[in-house]
C-alpha atoms as a PDB file:
ATOM      1  CA  MET A   1     -97.510  15.120 139.907  1.00  0.00           C
ATOM      2  CA  SER A   2    -100.200  13.143 137.930  1.00  0.00           C
ATOM      3  CA  ASP A   3    -103.756  14.318 137.717  1.00  0.00           C
ATOM      4  CA  THR A   4    -106.429  11.654 138.180  1.00  0.00           C
ATOM      5  CA  HIS A   5    -108.619  13.489 135.727  1.00  0.00           C
ATOM      6  CA  ASP A   6    -106.161  13.207 132.820  1.00  0.00           C
ATOM      7  CA  ILE A   7    -107.421  10.946 130.008  1.00  0.00           C
ATOM      8  CA  ASP A   8    -104.351  11.338 127.732  1.00  0.00           C
ATOM      9  CA  HIS A   9    -103.622   7.638 128.231  1.00  0.00           C
ATOM     10  CA  ILE A  10    -107.074   6.595 126.959  1.00  0.00           C
ATOM     11  CA  LEU A  11    -106.863   8.850 123.864  1.00  0.00           C
ATOM     12  CA  ASN A  12    -103.308   7.665 123.141  1.00  0.00           C
ATOM     13  CA  GLU A  13    -104.083   4.010 123.260  1.00  0.00           C
ATOM     14  CA  TRP A  14    -107.300   4.406 121.215  1.00  0.00           C
ATOM     15  CA  PRO A  15    -106.509   6.901 118.393  1.00  0.00           C
ATOM     16  CA  HIS A  16    -109.186   8.401 116.307  1.00  0.00           C
ATOM     17  CA  GLN A  17    -109.850   7.120 112.878  1.00  0.00           C
ATOM     18  CA  SER A  18    -111.354   9.505 110.425  1.00  0.00           C
ATOM     19  CA  GLY A  19    -114.515   8.015 108.569  1.00  0.00           C
ATOM     20  CA  VAL A  20    -114.742   4.946 110.944  1.00  0.00           C
ATOM     21  CA  ILE A  21    -117.202   4.391 113.809  1.00  0.00           C
ATOM     22  CA  SER A  22    -114.897   3.373 116.720  1.00  0.00           C
ATOM     23  CA  ALA A  23    -116.917   1.991 119.531  1.00  0.00           C
ATOM     24  CA  ARG A  24    -116.525  -0.470 122.347  1.00  0.00           C
ATOM     25  CA  LEU A  25    -118.382  -1.841 125.396  1.00  0.00           C
ATOM     26  CA  VAL A  26    -116.501  -1.592 128.736  1.00  0.00           C
ATOM     27  CA  ARG A  27    -117.369  -2.045 132.426  1.00  0.00           C
ATOM     28  CA  ALA A  28    -117.746   0.991 134.560  1.00  0.00           C
ATOM     29  CA  GLY A  29    -116.189   1.181 138.077  1.00  0.00           C
ATOM     30  CA  ASP A  30    -119.455  -0.042 139.539  1.00  0.00           C
ATOM     31  CA  GLY A  31    -119.626  -3.031 137.131  1.00  0.00           C
ATOM     32  CA  ARG A  32    -122.364  -1.649 134.873  1.00  0.00           C
ATOM     33  CA  GLU A  33    -121.890  -1.928 131.089  1.00  0.00           C
ATOM     34  CA  VAL A  34    -121.348   1.252 129.172  1.00  0.00           C
ATOM     35  CA  VAL A  35    -120.631   2.159 125.501  1.00  0.00           C
ATOM     36  CA  GLN A  36    -117.667   4.284 124.442  1.00  0.00           C
ATOM     37  CA  MET A  37    -117.392   6.009 121.153  1.00  0.00           C
ATOM     38  CA  ARG A  38    -113.975   7.521 119.943  1.00  0.00           C
ATOM     39  CA  VAL A  39    -114.593  10.945 118.389  1.00  0.00           C
ATOM     40  CA  GLU A  40    -112.117  13.469 117.054  1.00  0.00           C
ATOM     41  CA  MET A  41    -112.124  15.498 120.243  1.00  0.00           C
ATOM     42  CA  GLY A  42    -112.114  12.697 122.825  1.00  0.00           C
ATOM     43  CA  VAL A  43    -114.494   9.978 123.934  1.00  0.00           C
ATOM     44  CA  LEU A  44    -118.163   9.784 124.311  1.00  0.00           C
ATOM     45  CA  GLN A  45    -119.509   7.508 127.068  1.00  0.00           C
ATOM     46  CA  MET A  46    -123.146   6.235 126.946  1.00  0.00           C
ATOM     47  CA  GLU A  47    -125.199   4.032 129.152  1.00  0.00           C
ATOM     48  CA  ALA A  48    -126.004   0.692 127.512  1.00  0.00           C
ATOM     49  CA  GLU A  49    -129.426   0.537 129.175  1.00  0.00           C
ATOM     50  CA  GLY A  50    -132.165   3.293 129.203  1.00  0.00           C
ATOM     51  CA  ARG A  51    -131.348   6.709 128.038  1.00  0.00           C
ATOM     52  CA  PRO A  52    -127.871   7.063 126.771  1.00  0.00           C
ATOM     53  CA  ASP A  53    -126.988   9.912 129.142  1.00  0.00           C
ATOM     54  CA  GLY A  54    -128.382   8.022 132.142  1.00  0.00           C
ATOM     55  CA  GLU A  55    -130.958  10.713 133.118  1.00  0.00           C
ATOM     56  CA  HIS A  56    -134.532   9.995 133.962  1.00  0.00           C
ATOM     57  CA  PRO A  57    -136.535  13.012 132.669  1.00  0.00           C
ATOM     58  CA  GLU A  58    -139.525  13.669 134.971  1.00  0.00           C
ATOM     59  CA  GLY A  59    -138.689  10.259 136.572  1.00  0.00           C
ATOM     60  CA  ALA A  60    -139.258   8.412 133.275  1.00  0.00           C
ATOM     61  CA  ASP A  61    -136.877   6.103 131.480  1.00  0.00           C
ATOM     62  CA  THR A  62    -136.691   8.419 128.538  1.00  0.00           C
ATOM     63  CA  TYR A  63    -138.048  11.726 127.464  1.00  0.00           C
ATOM     64  CA  LEU A  64    -140.544  10.069 125.035  1.00  0.00           C
ATOM     65  CA  ASP A  65    -141.866   8.169 128.005  1.00  0.00           C
ATOM     66  CA  ALA A  66    -142.222  11.399 129.996  1.00  0.00           C
ATOM     67  CA  LEU A  67    -144.062  13.061 127.095  1.00  0.00           C
ATOM     68  CA  ILE A  68    -146.350  10.198 126.604  1.00  0.00           C
ATOM     69  CA  GLN A  69    -147.413  10.579 130.298  1.00  0.00           C
ATOM     70  CA  LEU A  70    -148.406  14.199 129.653  1.00  0.00           C
ATOM     71  CA  THR A  71    -150.731  13.161 126.978  1.00  0.00           C
ATOM     72  CA  PHE A  72    -152.842  11.221 129.511  1.00  0.00           C
ATOM     73  CA  GLY A  73    -153.847  14.584 131.065  1.00  0.00           C
ATOM     74  CA  PRO A  74    -156.990  16.544 130.387  1.00  0.00           C
ATOM     75  CA  ASP A  75    -155.544  18.538 127.499  1.00  0.00           C
ATOM     76  CA  ASP A  76    -156.668  16.530 124.380  1.00  0.00           C
ATOM     77  CA  ALA A  77    -154.889  19.012 121.983  1.00  0.00           C
ATOM     78  CA  PHE A  78    -151.321  18.538 123.604  1.00  0.00           C
ATOM     79  CA  GLU A  79    -148.700  20.487 121.721  1.00  0.00           C
ATOM     80  CA  LEU A  80    -144.975  20.610 122.358  1.00  0.00           C
ATOM     81  CA  THR A  81    -143.459  23.625 123.669  1.00  0.00           C
ATOM     82  CA  GLU A  82    -140.214  25.218 122.419  1.00  0.00           C
ATOM     83  CA  LYS A  83    -138.285  23.769 125.488  1.00  0.00           C
ATOM     84  CA  GLN A  84    -139.916  20.402 124.914  1.00  0.00           C
ATOM     85  CA  CYS A  85    -138.951  20.488 121.302  1.00  0.00           C
ATOM     86  CA  PHE A  86    -135.274  21.158 122.388  1.00  0.00           C
ATOM     87  CA  GLU A  87    -135.352  18.103 124.729  1.00  0.00           C
ATOM     88  CA  VAL A  88    -136.779  15.985 121.953  1.00  0.00           C
ATOM     89  CA  ASP A  89    -133.991  16.935 119.758  1.00  0.00           C
ATOM     90  CA  ARG A  90    -131.435  16.090 122.430  1.00  0.00           C
ATOM     91  CA  GLU A  91    -132.941  12.494 122.723  1.00  0.00           C
ATOM     92  CA  PHE A  92    -132.814  12.099 118.912  1.00  0.00           C
ATOM     93  CA  MET A  93    -129.094  12.990 118.972  1.00  0.00           C
ATOM     94  CA  GLN A  94    -128.308  10.635 121.953  1.00  0.00           C
ATOM     95  CA  PHE A  95    -129.943   7.704 120.491  1.00  0.00           C
ATOM     96  CA  TYR A  96    -128.435   8.220 117.073  1.00  0.00           C
ATOM     97  CA  HIS A  97    -124.942   8.170 118.619  1.00  0.00           C
ATOM     98  CA  ARG A  98    -125.677   4.955 120.490  1.00  0.00           C
ATOM     99  CA  ARG A  99    -127.429   3.352 117.510  1.00  0.00           C
ATOM    100  CA  ILE A 100    -124.469   3.722 115.224  1.00  0.00           C
ATOM    101  CA  CYS A 101    -122.206   2.339 118.010  1.00  0.00           C
ATOM    102  CA  TRP A 102    -124.521  -0.723 118.273  1.00  0.00           C
ATOM    103  CA  LEU A 103    -124.241  -1.232 114.613  1.00  0.00           C
ATOM    104  CA  ALA A 104    -120.450  -1.062 114.619  1.00  0.00           C
ATOM    105  CA  LEU A 105    -120.468  -3.464 117.528  1.00  0.00           C
ATOM    106  CA  ARG A 106    -122.820  -5.714 115.668  1.00  0.00           C
ATOM    107  CA  GLU A 107    -125.191  -5.596 118.632  1.00  0.00           C
ATOM    108  CA  PHE A 108    -128.173  -5.935 116.256  1.00  0.00           C
ATOM    109  CA  ASP A 109    -130.960  -6.487 118.768  1.00  0.00           C
ATOM    110  CA  ARG A 110    -129.899  -3.285 120.558  1.00  0.00           C
ATOM    111  CA  ALA A 111    -129.578  -1.238 117.393  1.00  0.00           C
ATOM    112  CA  ILE A 112    -133.145  -2.264 116.438  1.00  0.00           C
ATOM    113  CA  ALA A 113    -134.407  -1.169 119.873  1.00  0.00           C
ATOM    114  CA  ASP A 114    -132.837   2.194 119.628  1.00  0.00           C
ATOM    115  CA  ALA A 115    -134.044   2.605 116.038  1.00  0.00           C
ATOM    116  CA  ASP A 116    -137.614   1.728 117.230  1.00  0.00           C
ATOM    117  CA  HIS A 117    -137.325   4.250 119.949  1.00  0.00           C
ATOM    118  CA  THR A 118    -136.267   7.023 117.507  1.00  0.00           C
ATOM    119  CA  LEU A 119    -139.225   6.171 115.143  1.00  0.00           C
ATOM    120  CA  ALA A 120    -141.664   6.325 117.984  1.00  0.00           C
ATOM    121  CA  LEU A 121    -140.199   9.766 118.941  1.00  0.00           C
ATOM    122  CA  MET A 122    -140.533  10.900 115.404  1.00  0.00           C
ATOM    123  CA  ASP A 123    -144.131   9.710 115.348  1.00  0.00           C
ATOM    124  CA  PHE A 124    -144.851  11.613 118.646  1.00  0.00           C
ATOM    125  CA  ALA A 125    -143.094  14.742 117.267  1.00  0.00           C
ATOM    126  CA  ALA A 126    -145.093  14.636 114.045  1.00  0.00           C
ATOM    127  CA  GLU A 127    -148.407  14.266 115.962  1.00  0.00           C
ATOM    128  CA  HIS A 128    -147.946  16.957 118.621  1.00  0.00           C
ATOM    129  CA  ALA A 129    -145.544  19.486 116.999  1.00  0.00           C
ATOM    130  CA  SER A 130    -147.010  23.098 117.353  1.00  0.00           C
ATOM    131  CA  ASN A 131    -144.436  24.165 114.525  1.00  0.00           C
ATOM    132  CA  SER A 132    -145.115  22.073 111.359  1.00  0.00           C
ATOM    133  CA  ASP A 133    -141.688  22.978 109.926  1.00  0.00           C
ATOM    134  CA  TRP A 134    -139.957  21.613 113.067  1.00  0.00           C
ATOM    135  CA  GLY A 135    -142.084  18.369 112.799  1.00  0.00           C
ATOM    136  CA  LEU A 136    -141.159  17.991 109.043  1.00  0.00           C
ATOM    137  CA  SER A 137    -137.634  18.663 109.738  1.00  0.00           C
ATOM    138  CA  HIS A 138    -137.294  15.243 111.522  1.00  0.00           C
ATOM    139  CA  GLU A 139    -139.343  13.421 108.923  1.00  0.00           C
ATOM    140  CA  GLN A 140    -136.479  13.856 106.425  1.00  0.00           C
ATOM    141  CA  TYR A 141    -134.430  11.491 108.516  1.00  0.00           C
ATOM    142  CA  ARG A 142    -137.019   8.710 108.819  1.00  0.00           C
ATOM    143  CA  PRO A 143    -135.611   6.796 105.792  1.00  0.00           C
ATOM    144  CA  PHE A 144    -132.145   6.998 107.404  1.00  0.00           C
ATOM    145  CA  VAL A 145    -133.404   5.428 110.670  1.00  0.00           C
ATOM    146  CA  LEU A 146    -135.231   2.815 108.767  1.00  0.00           C
ATOM    147  CA  PHE A 147    -132.205   2.216 106.777  1.00  0.00           C
ATOM    148  CA  HIS A 148    -130.267   1.491 110.094  1.00  0.00           C
ATOM    149  CA  ARG A 149    -132.993  -0.620 111.380  1.00  0.00           C
ATOM    150  CA  THR A 150    -133.200  -2.761 108.305  1.00  0.00           C
ATOM    151  CA  GLN A 151    -129.429  -3.305 108.277  1.00  0.00           C
ATOM    152  CA  ALA A 152    -129.623  -4.519 111.867  1.00  0.00           C
ATOM    153  CA  ALA A 153    -132.641  -6.671 111.226  1.00  0.00           C
ATOM    154  CA  SER A 154    -131.157  -8.404 108.127  1.00  0.00           C
ATOM    155  CA  LEU A 155    -127.772  -9.034 109.701  1.00  0.00           C
ATOM    156  CA  ARG A 156    -129.399 -10.396 112.884  1.00  0.00           C
ATOM    157  CA  ALA A 157    -131.579 -12.708 110.644  1.00  0.00           C
ATOM    158  CA  LEU A 158    -128.494 -13.785 108.724  1.00  0.00           C
ATOM    159  CA  GLN A 159    -126.875 -14.949 112.023  1.00  0.00           C
ATOM    160  CA  GLY A 160    -129.994 -16.771 113.107  1.00  0.00           C
ATOM    161  CA  SER A 161    -132.308 -17.962 110.393  1.00  0.00           C
ATOM    162  CA  GLY A 162    -130.145 -17.580 107.387  1.00  0.00           C
ATOM    163  CA  ALA A 163    -129.714 -15.571 104.129  1.00  0.00           C
ATOM    164  CA  GLU A 164    -133.384 -15.906 102.933  1.00  0.00           C
ATOM    165  CA  SER A 165    -134.702 -14.414 106.181  1.00  0.00           C
ATOM    166  CA  ALA A 166    -132.132 -11.609 105.824  1.00  0.00           C
ATOM    167  CA  ILE A 167    -133.291 -10.819 102.373  1.00  0.00           C
ATOM    168  CA  GLU A 168    -136.872 -10.751 103.500  1.00  0.00           C
ATOM    169  CA  GLU A 169    -135.885  -8.260 106.303  1.00  0.00           C
ATOM    170  CA  ILE A 170    -134.281  -6.083 103.608  1.00  0.00           C
ATOM    171  CA  ASN A 171    -137.531  -6.426 101.520  1.00  0.00           C
ATOM    172  CA  HIS A 172    -139.627  -5.229 104.525  1.00  0.00           C
ATOM    173  CA  GLY A 173    -137.261  -2.347 105.174  1.00  0.00           C
ATOM    174  CA  LEU A 174    -137.439  -1.331 101.581  1.00  0.00           C
ATOM    175  CA  GLN A 175    -141.185  -1.374 101.703  1.00  0.00           C
ATOM    176  CA  SER A 176    -141.201   0.786 104.798  1.00  0.00           C
ATOM    177  CA  ILE A 177    -138.939   3.378 103.219  1.00  0.00           C
ATOM    178  CA  HIS A 178    -141.027   3.241  99.998  1.00  0.00           C
ATOM    179  CA  GLU A 179    -144.028   4.151 102.189  1.00  0.00           C
ATOM    180  CA  VAL A 180    -142.202   7.238 103.524  1.00  0.00           C
ATOM    181  CA  PHE A 181    -141.487   8.481  99.974  1.00  0.00           C
ATOM    182  CA  ALA A 182    -145.082   7.796  98.864  1.00  0.00           C
ATOM    183  CA  ALA A 183    -146.471   9.797 101.818  1.00  0.00           C
ATOM    184  CA  ALA A 184    -144.230  12.598 100.840  1.00  0.00           C
ATOM    185  CA  GLU A 185    -145.417  12.352  97.251  1.00  0.00           C
ATOM    186  CA  ALA A 186    -141.825  11.556  96.143  1.00  0.00           C
ATOM    187  CA  GLU A 187    -142.143   8.157  94.772  1.00  0.00           C
ATOM    188  CA  GLU A 188    -140.193   9.016  91.730  1.00  0.00           C
ATOM    189  CA  ASP A 189    -137.083   9.648  93.861  1.00  0.00           C
ATOM    190  CA  PHE A 190    -137.341   6.188  95.629  1.00  0.00           C
ATOM    191  CA  ALA A 191    -135.321   4.130  93.199  1.00  0.00           C
ATOM    192  CA  GLU A 192    -132.449   6.793  92.963  1.00  0.00           C
ATOM    193  CA  ASP A 193    -132.179   7.178  96.694  1.00  0.00           C
ATOM    194  CA  GLU A 194    -128.625   6.308  97.846  1.00  0.00           C
ATOM    195  CA  LEU A 195    -129.766   4.339 100.976  1.00  0.00           C
ATOM    196  CA  VAL A 196    -132.214   2.427  98.947  1.00  0.00           C
ATOM    197  CA  GLY A 197    -129.411   1.500  96.614  1.00  0.00           C
ATOM    198  CA  GLN A 198    -127.186   0.273  99.524  1.00  0.00           C
ATOM    199  CA  LEU A 199    -129.892  -1.991 100.618  1.00  0.00           C
ATOM    200  CA  VAL A 200    -130.629  -3.390  97.106  1.00  0.00           C
ATOM    201  CA  GLU A 201    -126.873  -4.027  96.782  1.00  0.00           C
ATOM    202  CA  LEU A 202    -126.720  -5.736 100.243  1.00  0.00           C
ATOM    203  CA  LYS A 203    -129.620  -7.927  99.172  1.00  0.00           C
ATOM    204  CA  GLU A 204    -128.118  -8.921  95.855  1.00  0.00           C
ATOM    205  CA  SER A 205    -124.823  -9.633  97.561  1.00  0.00           C
ATOM    206  CA  LEU A 206    -126.574 -12.008  99.883  1.00  0.00           C
ATOM    207  CA  ARG A 207    -128.241 -13.776  96.953  1.00  0.00           C
ATOM    208  CA  ASP A 208    -124.927 -14.257  95.285  1.00  0.00           C
ATOM    209  CA  GLU A 209    -122.859 -15.279  98.307  1.00  0.00           C
ATOM    210  CA  TYR A 210    -125.460 -17.681  99.693  1.00  0.00           C
ATOM    211  CA  HIS A 211    -127.034 -18.822  96.422  1.00  0.00           C
ATOM    212  CA  VAL A 212    -130.612 -17.524  97.359  1.00  0.00           C
ATOM    213  CA  GLY A 213    -133.318 -17.638  94.646  1.00  0.00           C
ATOM    214  CA  PRO A 214    -136.657 -15.694  95.052  1.00  0.00           C
ATOM    215  CA  THR A 215    -137.705 -15.971  98.804  1.00  0.00           C
ATOM    216  CA  LEU A 216    -141.079 -17.462  99.647  1.00  0.00           C
ATOM    217  CA  ALA A 217    -142.395 -14.002 100.271  1.00  0.00           C
ATOM    218  CA  GLU A 218    -141.198 -12.801  96.767  1.00  0.00           C
ATOM    219  CA  GLN A 219    -142.719 -15.866  95.211  1.00  0.00           C
ATOM    220  CA  LEU A 220    -145.926 -15.291  97.071  1.00  0.00           C
ATOM    221  CA  ALA A 221    -146.114 -11.636  95.837  1.00  0.00           C
ATOM    222  CA  GLU A 222    -145.446 -12.812  92.223  1.00  0.00           C
ATOM    223  CA  ALA A 223    -148.166 -15.546  92.556  1.00  0.00           C
ATOM    224  CA  VAL A 224    -150.746 -12.931  93.798  1.00  0.00           C
ATOM    225  CA  ALA A 225    -149.767 -10.459  91.148  1.00  0.00           C
ATOM    226  CA  ASN A 226    -150.274 -13.181  88.477  1.00  0.00           C
ATOM    227  CA  GLU A 227    -153.572 -14.254  90.135  1.00  0.00           C
ATOM    228  CA  GLU A 228    -152.132 -17.767  90.707  1.00  0.00           C
ATOM    229  CA  PHE A 229    -154.277 -18.293  93.770  1.00  0.00           C
ATOM    230  CA  GLU A 230    -153.699 -21.957  94.364  1.00  0.00           C
ATOM    231  CA  ARG A 231    -150.021 -21.413  94.121  1.00  0.00           C
ATOM    232  CA  ALA A 232    -150.358 -18.438  96.542  1.00  0.00           C
ATOM    233  CA  ALA A 233    -152.066 -20.705  99.004  1.00  0.00           C
ATOM    234  CA  GLU A 234    -149.420 -23.276  98.979  1.00  0.00           C
ATOM    235  CA  LEU A 235    -146.763 -20.620  99.488  1.00  0.00           C
ATOM    236  CA  ARG A 236    -148.665 -19.279 102.460  1.00  0.00           C
ATOM    237  CA  ASP A 237    -148.795 -22.702 104.007  1.00  0.00           C
ATOM    238  CA  GLN A 238    -144.951 -23.149 103.541  1.00  0.00           C
ATOM    239  CA  MET A 239    -144.345 -19.738 105.223  1.00  0.00           C
ATOM    240  CA  ALA A 240    -146.758 -20.649 108.130  1.00  0.00           C
ATOM    241  CA  ARG A 241    -144.707 -23.875 108.709  1.00  0.00           C
ATOM    242  CA  ARG A 242    -141.335 -22.232 108.866  1.00  0.00           C
ATOM    243  CA  PRO A 243    -139.798 -22.201 112.345  1.00  0.00           C
ATOM    244  CA  ASP A 244    -139.116 -18.425 112.277  1.00  0.00           C
ATOM    245  CA  HIS A 245    -142.660 -17.599 111.125  1.00  0.00           C
ATOM    246  CA  HIS A 246    -144.374 -14.856 113.291  1.00  0.00           C
END
């Protein structure tokens, strides 16, 4: 007699691959889109919209949204309780798993959105942590989240505006990561960081493959550094006329 709860057929047709992020988008029984991730011990299924586990903490879309609502109260010195810290950590992990799935699926807009949510959650945790060690324990992962966000933003730009825009996204990401190192008074470690090295390698590979010289932003930075102000003004005008200029 077969058991309708048995998932052997799913695991057998989708074998686990060590060291590889295996993810797929599928339709659930009610037609909604869900993300599945193959892990060693089975399959994780996450919602594609809202919070990955589909819950609505305190009626909000995410736990971060619920916490932000609490800060609107009369207590100006809001501090996270131990239980709230535990729930923050849960949300960190959920968005991490879905973010790496989006990257594997080349769903770059969604990867960026989940990275931005995690960064906002980190900001909230840093501001409202009652235990400074707990708050700092999350900050060590900020470069990692920025690394994922930069990957997604650069590859999205490559698909849309082209290699020069992709390189500029990498430069923006490297600057954001550098600011994290500077804030931690660890600037000397920036150049040797493995994630930084991977982004630099990606940037140079894009230059070689697509034959891209210095971008307009890089030329502008050089002109300003050399006090070539007329040249800098011309470059700003060129950047402002670009279709993808924000």
